[in-house]
Every structure is written in structure tokens, then in C-alpha cells.
């Protein structure tokens, strides 16, 4: 079965940087678009960035110019490089992806990794 595992979260000071990783594991599947979402306490989960299988990416307005999403298809891993972090970036960050088996689409989510931006 498919599993997504996020890593790289932690505590960082405002203005600092952090890189998150999300590795997909499993057999007999292909991966389409992948994305990063976040959820702060008391708020709904929101999109941060997405990246297609070929590379084109999209960002939420709050992430543009500061965050960069990338992927390594050979490693089945998606990354989120976060720069100039702000306290409002504090949230649990989740990755997801579109997975395909025999052209049937499945959406999977990771368990999340905590990012805390505080001085």
C-alpha cells in the first residue's frame, strides 16, 4: 500500500529557513501531482503549493516568493523549501499526492509534520 511520510519540521526563528520532505513508498503505482498543505490551530487546511508530475508548480499567495516546491521522481519525494519564515507560517504541514494503479486514481495524505516559527 501507499504511504507518505513527511519530515523536516521543527522550530525555527522568524526569517529562518526550513526544508520539508515527503517520501512516498509502496509498490505498483505511479504518482501524478503532489502538493503541500498546512493547517493551523482553529483553521481549515489550506493549500500551500502543488507540483505536477512534469514539474510545473503553483503557489498560494502567502507562499509566493518565499517557498519553493520541487520533486525528485526517482526518489518518489516532494520537497518544500521555506525561506523568510513568519510566525503565521506556523502549522502542521501535510503532503499529498495523486496515485494511480491501472489508471485508477487514489489520493493519499501524509500524517503531517509540525512547523513552528517563533522567536
C-alpha atoms as a PDB file:
ATOM      1  CA  UNK A   1       0.000   0.000   0.000  1.00  0.00           C
ATOM      2  CA  UNK A   2       0.961   3.613  -0.466  1.00  0.00           C
ATOM      3  CA  UNK A   3       2.460   5.570   2.376  1.00  0.00           C
ATOM      4  CA  UNK A   4       3.546   9.204   2.569  1.00  0.00           C
ATOM      5  CA  UNK A   5       5.930  10.251   5.310  1.00  0.00           C
ATOM      6  CA  UNK A   6       6.777  13.885   5.988  1.00  0.00           C
ATOM      7  CA  UNK A   7       9.950  15.002   7.695  1.00  0.00           C
ATOM      8  CA  UNK A   8      11.938  18.148   8.324  1.00  0.00           C
ATOM      9  CA  UNK A   9       9.565  20.048  10.550  1.00  0.00           C
ATOM     10  CA  UNK A  10      10.667  21.765  13.708  1.00  0.00           C
ATOM     11  CA  UNK A  11      11.190  25.066  15.436  1.00  0.00           C
ATOM     12  CA  UNK A  12      12.688  27.948  13.509  1.00  0.00           C
ATOM     13  CA  UNK A  13      13.072  31.649  14.195  1.00  0.00           C
ATOM     14  CA  UNK A  14      11.275  34.262  12.107  1.00  0.00           C
ATOM     15  CA  UNK A  15      13.238  34.909   8.944  1.00  0.00           C
ATOM     16  CA  UNK A  16      14.764  31.473   9.053  1.00  0.00           C
ATOM     17  CA  UNK A  17      14.513  28.616   6.609  1.00  0.00           C
ATOM     18  CA  UNK A  18      13.327  25.065   6.702  1.00  0.00           C
ATOM     19  CA  UNK A  19      13.016  22.311   4.129  1.00  0.00           C
ATOM     20  CA  UNK A  20      10.326  19.686   4.349  1.00  0.00           C
ATOM     21  CA  UNK A  21      10.455  16.322   2.646  1.00  0.00           C
ATOM     22  CA  UNK A  22       7.729  13.866   1.827  1.00  0.00           C
ATOM     23  CA  UNK A  23       8.659  10.415   0.651  1.00  0.00           C
ATOM     24  CA  UNK A  24       6.192   8.057  -0.946  1.00  0.00           C
ATOM     25  CA  UNK A  25       6.619   4.344  -0.590  1.00  0.00           C
ATOM     26  CA  UNK A  26       4.763   1.395  -1.965  1.00  0.00           C
ATOM     27  CA  UNK A  27       4.685  -0.819  -4.976  1.00  0.00           C
ATOM     28  CA  UNK A  28       2.853  -0.927  -8.271  1.00  0.00           C
ATOM     29  CA  UNK A  29       1.824   2.678  -8.508  1.00  0.00           C
ATOM     30  CA  UNK A  30       2.656   5.853 -10.341  1.00  0.00           C
ATOM     31  CA  UNK A  31       2.458   9.355  -8.934  1.00  0.00           C
ATOM     32  CA  UNK A  32       0.852  12.335 -10.541  1.00  0.00           C
ATOM     33  CA  UNK A  33       0.572  15.753  -8.964  1.00  0.00           C
ATOM     34  CA  UNK A  34       1.798  16.258  -5.420  1.00  0.00           C
ATOM     35  CA  UNK A  35       1.239  19.071  -3.019  1.00  0.00           C
ATOM     36  CA  UNK A  36       1.813  20.621   0.352  1.00  0.00           C
ATOM     37  CA  UNK A  37      -0.967  21.821   2.606  1.00  0.00           C
ATOM     38  CA  UNK A  38      -0.978  23.234   6.090  1.00  0.00           C
ATOM     39  CA  UNK A  39      -3.384  23.553   8.955  1.00  0.00           C
ATOM     40  CA  UNK A  40      -3.035  25.963  11.826  1.00  0.00           C
ATOM     41  CA  UNK A  41      -4.936  25.539  15.098  1.00  0.00           C
ATOM     42  CA  UNK A  42      -8.567  26.513  14.681  1.00  0.00           C
ATOM     43  CA  UNK A  43      -8.257  26.910  10.930  1.00  0.00           C
ATOM     44  CA  UNK A  44      -9.065  24.797   7.916  1.00  0.00           C
ATOM     45  CA  UNK A  45      -6.403  23.017   5.962  1.00  0.00           C
ATOM     46  CA  UNK A  46      -5.158  25.212   3.155  1.00  0.00           C
ATOM     47  CA  UNK A  47      -3.123  24.743   0.021  1.00  0.00           C
ATOM     48  CA  UNK A  48       0.485  25.872   0.116  1.00  0.00           C
ATOM     49  CA  UNK A  49       1.872  24.605  -3.180  1.00  0.00           C
ATOM     50  CA  UNK A  50       1.371  21.933  -5.808  1.00  0.00           C
ATOM     51  CA  UNK A  51       3.611  20.437  -8.438  1.00  0.00           C
ATOM     52  CA  UNK A  52       2.698  18.327 -11.422  1.00  0.00           C
ATOM     53  CA  UNK A  53       4.479  15.169 -12.457  1.00  0.00           C
ATOM     54  CA  UNK A  54       6.322  17.129 -15.135  1.00  0.00           C
ATOM     55  CA  UNK A  55       7.337  19.957 -12.838  1.00  0.00           C
ATOM     56  CA  UNK A  56       5.037  22.971 -13.273  1.00  0.00           C
ATOM     57  CA  UNK A  57       4.112  24.361  -9.886  1.00  0.00           C
ATOM     58  CA  UNK A  58       1.560  26.647  -8.302  1.00  0.00           C
ATOM     59  CA  UNK A  59       1.657  28.515  -5.026  1.00  0.00           C
ATOM     60  CA  UNK A  60      -0.717  30.123  -2.614  1.00  0.00           C
ATOM     61  CA  UNK A  61      -0.306  33.878  -2.449  1.00  0.00           C
ATOM     62  CA  UNK A  62       1.093  33.556   1.051  1.00  0.00           C
ATOM     63  CA  UNK A  63       3.862  31.297  -0.229  1.00  0.00           C
ATOM     64  CA  UNK A  64       4.859  33.033  -3.450  1.00  0.00           C
ATOM     65  CA  UNK A  65       8.393  34.345  -3.418  1.00  0.00           C
ATOM     66  CA  UNK A  66       9.259  32.542  -0.194  1.00  0.00           C
ATOM     67  CA  UNK A  67       8.529  28.863  -0.711  1.00  0.00           C
ATOM     68  CA  UNK A  68       9.682  26.516  -3.438  1.00  0.00           C
ATOM     69  CA  UNK A  69       8.157  23.143  -4.171  1.00  0.00           C
ATOM     70  CA  UNK A  70      10.179  20.548  -6.027  1.00  0.00           C
ATOM     71  CA  UNK A  71      10.225  16.822  -6.576  1.00  0.00           C
ATOM     72  CA  UNK A  72      12.601  14.000  -7.264  1.00  0.00           C
ATOM     73  CA  UNK A  73      10.687  11.401  -9.207  1.00  0.00           C
ATOM     74  CA  UNK A  74      13.465   8.842  -8.884  1.00  0.00           C
ATOM     75  CA  UNK A  75      13.120   9.038  -5.104  1.00  0.00           C
ATOM     76  CA  UNK A  76       9.341   9.493  -5.107  1.00  0.00           C
ATOM     77  CA  UNK A  77       9.866  12.521  -2.930  1.00  0.00           C
ATOM     78  CA  UNK A  78       8.440  16.019  -2.896  1.00  0.00           C
ATOM     79  CA  UNK A  79      10.134  18.899  -1.096  1.00  0.00           C
ATOM     80  CA  UNK A  80       9.077  22.253   0.220  1.00  0.00           C
ATOM     81  CA  UNK A  81      11.844  24.768   0.766  1.00  0.00           C
ATOM     82  CA  UNK A  82      10.623  27.536   3.025  1.00  0.00           C
ATOM     83  CA  UNK A  83      12.518  30.789   3.361  1.00  0.00           C
ATOM     84  CA  UNK A  84      11.810  34.025   5.210  1.00  0.00           C
ATOM     85  CA  UNK A  85       9.508  32.196   7.560  1.00  0.00           C
ATOM     86  CA  UNK A  86       6.923  34.136   9.508  1.00  0.00           C
ATOM     87  CA  UNK A  87       5.040  33.284  12.703  1.00  0.00           C
ATOM     88  CA  UNK A  88       1.885  32.939  10.629  1.00  0.00           C
ATOM     89  CA  UNK A  89       3.531  30.037   8.810  1.00  0.00           C
ATOM     90  CA  UNK A  90       3.195  28.007  11.994  1.00  0.00           C
ATOM     91  CA  UNK A  91       1.068  24.965  11.236  1.00  0.00           C
ATOM     92  CA  UNK A  92       1.079  21.261  10.678  1.00  0.00           C
ATOM     93  CA  UNK A  93       2.232  20.675   7.129  1.00  0.00           C
ATOM     94  CA  UNK A  94       0.827  17.782   5.147  1.00  0.00           C
ATOM     95  CA  UNK A  95       1.830  16.404   1.808  1.00  0.00           C
ATOM     96  CA  UNK A  96      -0.474  14.624  -0.563  1.00  0.00           C
ATOM     97  CA  UNK A  97      -0.339  13.059  -3.942  1.00  0.00           C
ATOM     98  CA  UNK A  98      -2.365  11.563  -6.731  1.00  0.00           C
ATOM     99  CA  UNK A  99      -1.535   7.898  -7.094  1.00  0.00           C
ATOM    100  CA  UNK A 100      -2.513   5.658  -9.961  1.00  0.00           C
ATOM    101  CA  UNK A 101      -2.896   1.920 -10.248  1.00  0.00           C
ATOM    102  CA  UNK A 102      -4.217   0.648 -13.542  1.00  0.00           C
ATOM    103  CA  UNK A 103      -5.310   4.206 -14.301  1.00  0.00           C
ATOM    104  CA  UNK A 104      -7.413   4.367 -11.159  1.00  0.00           C
ATOM    105  CA  UNK A 105      -6.733   7.497  -9.131  1.00  0.00           C
ATOM    106  CA  UNK A 106      -6.177   7.482  -5.399  1.00  0.00           C
ATOM    107  CA  UNK A 107      -5.402  10.493  -3.240  1.00  0.00           C
ATOM    108  CA  UNK A 108      -3.191   9.886  -0.217  1.00  0.00           C
ATOM    109  CA  UNK A 109      -2.160  12.131   2.630  1.00  0.00           C
ATOM    110  CA  UNK A 110       0.774  12.032   4.976  1.00  0.00           C
ATOM    111  CA  UNK A 111       0.428  12.311   8.734  1.00  0.00           C
ATOM    112  CA  UNK A 112       1.872  15.800   8.878  1.00  0.00           C
ATOM    113  CA  UNK A 113       4.909  17.486  10.357  1.00  0.00           C
ATOM    114  CA  UNK A 114       4.830  20.408  12.761  1.00  0.00           C
ATOM    115  CA  UNK A 115       6.439  23.681  11.762  1.00  0.00           C
ATOM    116  CA  UNK A 116       6.695  26.324  14.445  1.00  0.00           C
ATOM    117  CA  UNK A 117       8.043  29.783  13.677  1.00  0.00           C
ATOM    118  CA  UNK A 118       8.783  31.657  16.850  1.00  0.00           C
ATOM    119  CA  UNK A 119      11.477  33.746  18.461  1.00  0.00           C
END
